[in-house]
Amino acid sequence: MSHNTTAFLAAVGEKAKALILGSIARHYGRSAEEIYVEVTDPDAHHLLDYMVEPDRGATSALMQRHGMR
């Protein structure tokens, strides 16, 4: 799954990437850099599995817009 996550985060641009990673980081009490390493790991779950609403829904819509969901 990490290949899709890496491609998605690259496709959405730096601002959206920072918002997504920041949302997950706040939820888990970790840094965005740590979260990036975790969500792009070859054994990682789907990116949306790390997220909570409303950011999860917004990210899902963004994935659909980019043809990645």
PDB file of N, CA and C in Angstrom:
ATOM      1  N   MET A   1       0.818  -1.202   0.000  1.00  0.00           N
ATOM      2  CA  MET A   1       0.000   0.000   0.000  1.00  0.00           C
ATOM      3  C   MET A   1       0.855   1.256   0.000  1.00  0.00           C
ATOM      4  N   SER A   2       2.068   1.161   0.482  1.00  0.00           N
ATOM      5  CA  SER A   2       2.882   2.363   0.620  1.00  0.00           C
ATOM      6  C   SER A   2       3.194   3.017  -0.718  1.00  0.00           C
ATOM      7  N   HIS A   3       3.292   2.213  -1.791  1.00  0.00           N
ATOM      8  CA  HIS A   3       3.566   2.807  -3.099  1.00  0.00           C
ATOM      9  C   HIS A   3       2.459   3.782  -3.470  1.00  0.00           C
ATOM     10  N   ASN A   4       1.204   3.391  -3.246  1.00  0.00           N
ATOM     11  CA  ASN A   4       0.079   4.279  -3.540  1.00  0.00           C
ATOM     12  C   ASN A   4       0.088   5.500  -2.634  1.00  0.00           C
ATOM     13  N   THR A   5       0.432   5.321  -1.378  1.00  0.00           N
ATOM     14  CA  THR A   5       0.486   6.440  -0.445  1.00  0.00           C
ATOM     15  C   THR A   5       1.579   7.414  -0.847  1.00  0.00           C
ATOM     16  N   THR A   6       2.741   6.904  -1.190  1.00  0.00           N
ATOM     17  CA  THR A   6       3.843   7.755  -1.617  1.00  0.00           C
ATOM     18  C   THR A   6       3.451   8.539  -2.869  1.00  0.00           C
ATOM     19  N   ALA A   7       2.845   7.862  -3.834  1.00  0.00           N
ATOM     20  CA  ALA A   7       2.424   8.517  -5.080  1.00  0.00           C
ATOM     21  C   ALA A   7       1.345   9.558  -4.798  1.00  0.00           C
ATOM     22  N   PHE A   8       0.397   9.215  -3.948  1.00  0.00           N
ATOM     23  CA  PHE A   8      -0.677  10.154  -3.618  1.00  0.00           C
ATOM     24  C   PHE A   8      -0.130  11.399  -2.947  1.00  0.00           C
ATOM     25  N   LEU A   9       0.720  11.224  -1.947  1.00  0.00           N
ATOM     26  CA  LEU A   9       1.268  12.381  -1.231  1.00  0.00           C
ATOM     27  C   LEU A   9       2.112  13.264  -2.147  1.00  0.00           C
ATOM     28  N   ALA A  10       2.767  12.667  -3.122  1.00  0.00           N
ATOM     29  CA  ALA A  10       3.536  13.451  -4.095  1.00  0.00           C
ATOM     30  C   ALA A  10       2.598  14.204  -5.047  1.00  0.00           C
ATOM     31  N   ALA A  11       1.476  13.566  -5.386  1.00  0.00           N
ATOM     32  CA  ALA A  11       0.556  14.156  -6.363  1.00  0.00           C
ATOM     33  C   ALA A  11      -0.235  15.336  -5.810  1.00  0.00           C
ATOM     34  N   VAL A  12      -0.501  15.348  -4.512  1.00  0.00           N
ATOM     35  CA  VAL A  12      -1.382  16.385  -3.962  1.00  0.00           C
ATOM     36  C   VAL A  12      -0.671  17.696  -3.679  1.00  0.00           C
ATOM     37  N   GLY A  13       0.635  17.698  -3.703  1.00  0.00           N
ATOM     38  CA  GLY A  13       1.379  18.926  -3.451  1.00  0.00           C
ATOM     39  C   GLY A  13       1.759  19.067  -1.990  1.00  0.00           C
ATOM     40  N   GLU A  14       2.689  19.956  -1.733  1.00  0.00           N
ATOM     41  CA  GLU A  14       3.271  20.107  -0.396  1.00  0.00           C
ATOM     42  C   GLU A  14       2.264  20.590   0.654  1.00  0.00           C
ATOM     43  N   LYS A  15       1.382  21.503   0.269  1.00  0.00           N
ATOM     44  CA  LYS A  15       0.427  22.035   1.251  1.00  0.00           C
ATOM     45  C   LYS A  15      -0.541  20.953   1.717  1.00  0.00           C
ATOM     46  N   ALA A  16      -1.148  20.235   0.781  1.00  0.00           N
ATOM     47  CA  ALA A  16      -2.081  19.165   1.141  1.00  0.00           C
ATOM     48  C   ALA A  16      -1.362  18.045   1.880  1.00  0.00           C
ATOM     49  N   LYS A  17      -0.173  17.710   1.432  1.00  0.00           N
ATOM     50  CA  LYS A  17       0.622  16.679   2.098  1.00  0.00           C
ATOM     51  C   LYS A  17       0.871  17.065   3.557  1.00  0.00           C
ATOM     52  N   ALA A  18       1.246  18.306   3.791  1.00  0.00           N
ATOM     53  CA  ALA A  18       1.505  18.779   5.150  1.00  0.00           C
ATOM     54  C   ALA A  18       0.235  18.742   6.003  1.00  0.00           C
ATOM     55  N   LEU A  19      -0.898  19.094   5.431  1.00  0.00           N
ATOM     56  CA  LEU A  19      -2.166  19.054   6.165  1.00  0.00           C
ATOM     57  C   LEU A  19      -2.549  17.621   6.539  1.00  0.00           C
ATOM     58  N   ILE A  20      -2.380  16.706   5.596  1.00  0.00           N
ATOM     59  CA  ILE A  20      -2.721  15.297   5.837  1.00  0.00           C
ATOM     60  C   ILE A  20      -1.811  14.704   6.908  1.00  0.00           C
ATOM     61  N   LEU A  21      -0.514  14.869   6.728  1.00  0.00           N
ATOM     62  CA  LEU A  21       0.430  14.308   7.695  1.00  0.00           C
ATOM     63  C   LEU A  21       0.280  14.978   9.064  1.00  0.00           C
ATOM     64  N   GLY A  22       0.017  16.274   9.069  1.00  0.00           N
ATOM     65  CA  GLY A  22      -0.187  16.999  10.323  1.00  0.00           C
ATOM     66  C   GLY A  22      -1.415  16.507  11.071  1.00  0.00           C
ATOM     67  N   SER A  23      -2.464  16.202  10.339  1.00  0.00           N
ATOM     68  CA  SER A  23      -3.685  15.677  10.944  1.00  0.00           C
ATOM     69  C   SER A  23      -3.413  14.343  11.637  1.00  0.00           C
ATOM     70  N   ILE A  24      -2.707  13.466  10.962  1.00  0.00           N
ATOM     71  CA  ILE A  24      -2.385  12.161  11.537  1.00  0.00           C
ATOM     72  C   ILE A  24      -1.431  12.337  12.720  1.00  0.00           C
ATOM     73  N   ALA A  25      -0.459  13.200  12.567  1.00  0.00           N
ATOM     74  CA  ALA A  25       0.530  13.437  13.624  1.00  0.00           C
ATOM     75  C   ALA A  25      -0.140  13.945  14.904  1.00  0.00           C
ATOM     76  N   ARG A  26      -1.070  14.871  14.764  1.00  0.00           N
ATOM     77  CA  ARG A  26      -1.786  15.390  15.942  1.00  0.00           C
ATOM     78  C   ARG A  26      -2.588  14.283  16.623  1.00  0.00           C
ATOM     79  N   HIS A  27      -3.222  13.458  15.819  1.00  0.00           N
ATOM     80  CA  HIS A  27      -4.041  12.375  16.368  1.00  0.00           C
ATOM     81  C   HIS A  27      -3.205  11.382  17.172  1.00  0.00           C
ATOM     82  N   TYR A  28      -2.002  11.088  16.689  1.00  0.00           N
ATOM     83  CA  TYR A  28      -1.141  10.098  17.343  1.00  0.00           C
ATOM     84  C   TYR A  28      -0.082  10.704  18.257  1.00  0.00           C
ATOM     85  N   GLY A  29      -0.015  12.034  18.307  1.00  0.00           N
ATOM     86  CA  GLY A  29       0.962  12.691  19.169  1.00  0.00           C
ATOM     87  C   GLY A  29       2.396  12.467  18.721  1.00  0.00           C
ATOM     88  N   ARG A  30       2.603  12.479  17.407  1.00  0.00           N
ATOM     89  CA  ARG A  30       3.936  12.276  16.840  1.00  0.00           C
ATOM     90  C   ARG A  30       4.214  13.368  15.819  1.00  0.00           C
ATOM     91  N   SER A  31       5.423  13.397  15.299  1.00  0.00           N
ATOM     92  CA  SER A  31       5.774  14.418  14.306  1.00  0.00           C
ATOM     93  C   SER A  31       5.297  13.983  12.918  1.00  0.00           C
ATOM     94  N   ALA A  32       5.126  14.965  12.053  1.00  0.00           N
ATOM     95  CA  ALA A  32       4.730  14.679  10.677  1.00  0.00           C
ATOM     96  C   ALA A  32       5.787  13.833   9.969  1.00  0.00           C
ATOM     97  N   GLU A  33       7.047  14.064  10.291  1.00  0.00           N
ATOM     98  CA  GLU A  33       8.130  13.286   9.675  1.00  0.00           C
ATOM     99  C   GLU A  33       8.035  11.816  10.083  1.00  0.00           C
ATOM    100  N   GLU A  34       7.749  11.565  11.360  1.00  0.00           N
ATOM    101  CA  GLU A  34       7.588  10.187  11.828  1.00  0.00           C
ATOM    102  C   GLU A  34       6.398   9.517  11.147  1.00  0.00           C
ATOM    103  N   ILE A  35       5.330  10.266  10.999  1.00  0.00           N
ATOM    104  CA  ILE A  35       4.136   9.726  10.359  1.00  0.00           C
ATOM    105  C   ILE A  35       4.411   9.418   8.891  1.00  0.00           C
ATOM    106  N   TYR A  36       5.135  10.281   8.199  1.00  0.00           N
ATOM    107  CA  TYR A  36       5.456  10.017   6.789  1.00  0.00           C
ATOM    108  C   TYR A  36       6.199   8.693   6.657  1.00  0.00           C
ATOM    109  N   VAL A  37       7.179   8.473   7.516  1.00  0.00           N
ATOM    110  CA  VAL A  37       7.947   7.221   7.470  1.00  0.00           C
ATOM    111  C   VAL A  37       7.009   6.031   7.698  1.00  0.00           C
ATOM    112  N   GLU A  38       6.108   6.176   8.667  1.00  0.00           N
ATOM    113  CA  GLU A  38       5.208   5.063   8.980  1.00  0.00           C
ATOM    114  C   GLU A  38       4.229   4.772   7.851  1.00  0.00           C
ATOM    115  N   VAL A  39       3.579   5.799   7.308  1.00  0.00           N
ATOM    116  CA  VAL A  39       2.536   5.555   6.298  1.00  0.00           C
ATOM    117  C   VAL A  39       3.104   5.152   4.944  1.00  0.00           C
ATOM    118  N   THR A  40       4.391   5.389   4.718  1.00  0.00           N
ATOM    119  CA  THR A  40       5.007   4.981   3.455  1.00  0.00           C
ATOM    120  C   THR A  40       5.821   3.695   3.595  1.00  0.00           C
ATOM    121  N   ASP A  41       5.809   3.099   4.765  1.00  0.00           N
ATOM    122  CA  ASP A  41       6.478   1.819   4.993  1.00  0.00           C
ATOM    123  C   ASP A  41       5.791   0.739   4.144  1.00  0.00           C
ATOM    124  N   PRO A  42       6.550  -0.211   3.618  1.00  0.00           N
ATOM    125  CA  PRO A  42       5.944  -1.271   2.796  1.00  0.00           C
ATOM    126  C   PRO A  42       4.845  -2.064   3.514  1.00  0.00           C
ATOM    127  N   ASP A  43       4.891  -2.134   4.830  1.00  0.00           N
ATOM    128  CA  ASP A  43       3.883  -2.880   5.584  1.00  0.00           C
ATOM    129  C   ASP A  43       2.774  -1.994   6.147  1.00  0.00           C
ATOM    130  N   ALA A  44       2.720  -0.750   5.718  1.00  0.00           N
ATOM    131  CA  ALA A  44       1.731   0.193   6.251  1.00  0.00           C
ATOM    132  C   ALA A  44       0.315  -0.176   5.811  1.00  0.00           C
ATOM    133  N   HIS A  45      -0.644   0.227   6.633  1.00  0.00           N
ATOM    134  CA  HIS A  45      -2.060   0.110   6.287  1.00  0.00           C
ATOM    135  C   HIS A  45      -2.387   1.200   5.261  1.00  0.00           C
ATOM    136  N   HIS A  46      -3.599   1.170   4.758  1.00  0.00           N
ATOM    137  CA  HIS A  46      -4.062   2.223   3.858  1.00  0.00           C
ATOM    138  C   HIS A  46      -4.004   3.558   4.604  1.00  0.00           C
ATOM    139  N   LEU A  47      -3.647   4.614   3.919  1.00  0.00           N
ATOM    140  CA  LEU A  47      -3.501   5.934   4.532  1.00  0.00           C
ATOM    141  C   LEU A  47      -4.747   6.340   5.320  1.00  0.00           C
ATOM    142  N   LEU A  48      -5.925   6.070   4.786  1.00  0.00           N
ATOM    143  CA  LEU A  48      -7.157   6.472   5.461  1.00  0.00           C
ATOM    144  C   LEU A  48      -7.356   5.753   6.788  1.00  0.00           C
ATOM    145  N   ASP A  49      -6.735   4.591   6.956  1.00  0.00           N
ATOM    146  CA  ASP A  49      -6.847   3.860   8.223  1.00  0.00           C
ATOM    147  C   ASP A  49      -6.194   4.605   9.386  1.00  0.00           C
ATOM    148  N   TYR A  50      -5.313   5.528   9.088  1.00  0.00           N
ATOM    149  CA  TYR A  50      -4.628   6.306  10.121  1.00  0.00           C
ATOM    150  C   TYR A  50      -5.384   7.582  10.487  1.00  0.00           C
ATOM    151  N   MET A  51      -6.455   7.873   9.756  1.00  0.00           N
ATOM    152  CA  MET A  51      -7.107   9.171   9.866  1.00  0.00           C
ATOM    153  C   MET A  51      -8.461   9.097  10.559  1.00  0.00           C
ATOM    154  N   VAL A  52      -8.893  10.246  11.103  1.00  0.00           N
ATOM    155  CA  VAL A  52     -10.218  10.388  11.693  1.00  0.00           C
ATOM    156  C   VAL A  52     -10.950  11.513  10.958  1.00  0.00           C
ATOM    157  N   GLU A  53     -12.264  11.516  11.116  1.00  0.00           N
ATOM    158  CA  GLU A  53     -13.088  12.550  10.477  1.00  0.00           C
ATOM    159  C   GLU A  53     -12.852  13.902  11.138  1.00  0.00           C
ATOM    160  N   PRO A  54     -13.011  14.973  10.426  1.00  0.00           N
ATOM    161  CA  PRO A  54     -13.464  15.081   9.040  1.00  0.00           C
ATOM    162  C   PRO A  54     -12.335  14.968   8.019  1.00  0.00           C
ATOM    163  N   ASP A  55     -11.095  14.888   8.496  1.00  0.00           N
ATOM    164  CA  ASP A  55      -9.961  14.846   7.563  1.00  0.00           C
ATOM    165  C   ASP A  55      -9.945  13.577   6.718  1.00  0.00           C
ATOM    166  N   ARG A  56     -10.436  12.489   7.287  1.00  0.00           N
ATOM    167  CA  ARG A  56     -10.475  11.221   6.545  1.00  0.00           C
ATOM    168  C   ARG A  56     -11.363  11.364   5.308  1.00  0.00           C
ATOM    169  N   GLY A  57     -12.542  11.923   5.471  1.00  0.00           N
ATOM    170  CA  GLY A  57     -13.454  12.103   4.344  1.00  0.00           C
ATOM    171  C   GLY A  57     -12.898  13.046   3.292  1.00  0.00           C
ATOM    172  N   ALA A  58     -12.267  14.113   3.754  1.00  0.00           N
ATOM    173  CA  ALA A  58     -11.689  15.082   2.820  1.00  0.00           C
ATOM    174  C   ALA A  58     -10.540  14.445   2.033  1.00  0.00           C
ATOM    175  N   THR A  59      -9.734  13.634   2.707  1.00  0.00           N
ATOM    176  CA  THR A  59      -8.616  12.972   2.038  1.00  0.00           C
ATOM    177  C   THR A  59      -9.129  11.918   1.062  1.00  0.00           C
ATOM    178  N   SER A  60     -10.175  11.211   1.428  1.00  0.00           N
ATOM    179  CA  SER A  60     -10.781  10.243   0.523  1.00  0.00           C
ATOM    180  C   SER A  60     -11.266  10.919  -0.755  1.00  0.00           C
ATOM    181  N   ALA A  61     -11.913  12.073  -0.614  1.00  0.00           N
ATOM    182  CA  ALA A  61     -12.380  12.823  -1.783  1.00  0.00           C
ATOM    183  C   ALA A  61     -11.205  13.279  -2.638  1.00  0.00           C
ATOM    184  N   LEU A  62     -10.128  13.689  -1.991  1.00  0.00           N
ATOM    185  CA  LEU A  62      -8.931  14.108  -2.719  1.00  0.00           C
ATOM    186  C   LEU A  62      -8.322  12.930  -3.471  1.00  0.00           C
ATOM    187  N   MET A  63      -8.334  11.768  -2.853  1.00  0.00           N
ATOM    188  CA  MET A  63      -7.843  10.555  -3.528  1.00  0.00           C
ATOM    189  C   MET A  63      -8.691  10.254  -4.766  1.00  0.00           C
ATOM    190  N   GLN A  64      -9.987  10.384  -4.629  1.00  0.00           N
ATOM    191  CA  GLN A  64     -10.885  10.144  -5.763  1.00  0.00           C
ATOM    192  C   GLN A  64     -10.608  11.135  -6.876  1.00  0.00           C
ATOM    193  N   ARG A  65     -10.410  12.381  -6.517  1.00  0.00           N
ATOM    194  CA  ARG A  65     -10.124  13.424  -7.505  1.00  0.00           C
ATOM    195  C   ARG A  65      -8.854  13.132  -8.291  1.00  0.00           C
ATOM    196  N   HIS A  66      -7.897  12.476  -7.635  1.00  0.00           N
ATOM    197  CA  HIS A  66      -6.633  12.131  -8.280  1.00  0.00           C
ATOM    198  C   HIS A  66      -6.643  10.713  -8.865  1.00  0.00           C
ATOM    199  N   GLY A  67      -7.801  10.071  -8.864  1.00  0.00           N
ATOM    200  CA  GLY A  67      -7.924   8.736  -9.432  1.00  0.00           C
ATOM    201  C   GLY A  67      -7.174   7.674  -8.648  1.00  0.00           C
ATOM    202  N   MET A  68      -7.059   7.868  -7.343  1.00  0.00           N
ATOM    203  CA  MET A  68      -6.298   6.945  -6.514  1.00  0.00           C
ATOM    204  C   MET A  68      -7.153   6.289  -5.446  1.00  0.00           C
ATOM    205  N   ARG A  69      -8.443   6.238  -5.676  1.00  0.00           N
ATOM    206  CA  ARG A  69      -9.341   5.592  -4.719  1.00  0.00           C
ATOM    207  C   ARG A  69     -10.499   5.025  -5.466  1.00  0.00           C
TER     208      ARG A  69
END
